[in-house]
Amino acid sequence: ADPALALRAAKAAGWTAKGEPERHPKHFEVLARQGSGPWAELHVDLDGGLYKVKALPESGGKWADLIG
């Protein structure tokens, strides 16, 4: 599984990623946003398919350190 594939999938869908994708057994999680919109957690399967966009809590949740 190539994390660069997850980043390309995010970019192709119009998202700008921040940091490195987080690897899970069946997918990657990517912190990203569109333009200056809110941050979201993208779920990208190991084949590069974006299948879920998860809104983040106001605090940023587990991504708070990257969001600042």
Protein backbone atom coordinates (compact mmCIF):
# COMPACT_ATOMS: atom_id res chain seq x y z
CA ALA A 1 0.00 0.00 0.00
CA ASP A 2 1.43 3.30 -1.14
CA PRO A 3 0.60 6.46 0.87
CA ALA A 4 1.32 8.56 -2.24
CA LEU A 5 -1.70 6.89 -3.85
CA ALA A 6 -3.91 8.20 -1.03
CA LEU A 7 -2.52 11.71 -1.49
CA ARG A 8 -3.14 11.58 -5.25
CA ALA A 9 -6.72 10.42 -4.66
CA ALA A 10 -7.33 13.35 -2.32
CA LYS A 11 -5.86 15.82 -4.81
CA ALA A 12 -7.86 14.37 -7.71
CA ALA A 13 -11.05 14.89 -5.69
CA GLY A 14 -10.19 18.56 -5.09
CA TRP A 15 -8.76 18.26 -1.58
CA THR A 16 -5.47 19.63 -0.25
CA ALA A 17 -3.84 17.23 2.20
CA LYS A 18 -1.74 18.17 5.20
CA GLY A 19 0.77 15.83 6.80
CA GLU A 20 1.24 12.18 5.98
CA PRO A 21 -1.58 9.68 5.42
CA GLU A 22 -2.26 7.45 8.42
CA ARG A 23 -2.17 3.75 7.46
CA HIS A 24 -4.83 1.34 8.70
CA PRO A 25 -5.28 -2.33 7.71
CA LYS A 26 -7.78 -1.62 4.91
CA HIS A 27 -7.44 2.10 4.20
CA PHE A 28 -5.55 5.35 4.72
CA GLU A 29 -6.83 8.36 6.62
CA VAL A 30 -5.82 11.74 5.25
CA LEU A 31 -6.26 15.17 6.84
CA ALA A 32 -7.43 17.53 4.10
CA ARG A 33 -9.64 20.45 3.18
CA GLN A 34 -11.03 22.11 0.10
CA GLY A 35 -9.84 25.69 -0.33
CA SER A 36 -10.14 27.47 3.01
CA GLY A 37 -13.04 25.26 4.09
CA PRO A 38 -13.17 23.13 7.22
CA TRP A 39 -10.70 20.30 7.77
CA ALA A 40 -11.94 16.77 7.20
CA GLU A 41 -10.65 13.22 7.51
CA LEU A 42 -10.67 11.42 4.18
CA HIS A 43 -10.81 7.64 4.05
CA VAL A 44 -9.04 6.25 1.00
CA ASP A 45 -8.96 2.51 0.30
CA LEU A 46 -5.66 0.83 -0.51
CA ASP A 47 -6.46 0.96 -4.24
CA GLY A 48 -6.77 4.77 -4.15
CA GLY A 49 -10.56 5.08 -3.97
CA LEU A 50 -11.91 7.88 -1.79
CA TYR A 51 -14.93 6.39 -0.06
CA LYS A 52 -15.64 8.54 2.99
CA VAL A 53 -15.31 12.15 4.09
CA LYS A 54 -15.58 12.53 7.85
CA ALA A 55 -16.21 15.94 9.41
CA LEU A 56 -13.87 16.73 12.27
CA PRO A 57 -14.96 18.03 15.66
CA GLU A 58 -14.26 21.71 16.28
CA SER A 59 -11.21 20.74 18.35
CA GLY A 60 -9.71 18.84 15.39
CA GLY A 61 -9.85 15.52 17.24
CA LYS A 62 -6.80 13.33 16.68
CA TRP A 63 -5.59 15.77 14.02
CA ALA A 64 -5.49 18.80 16.37
CA ASP A 65 -1.67 18.94 16.40
CA LEU A 66 -1.50 19.22 12.59
CA ILE A 67 -4.28 21.77 12.31
CA GLY A 68 -2.72 24.06 14.89
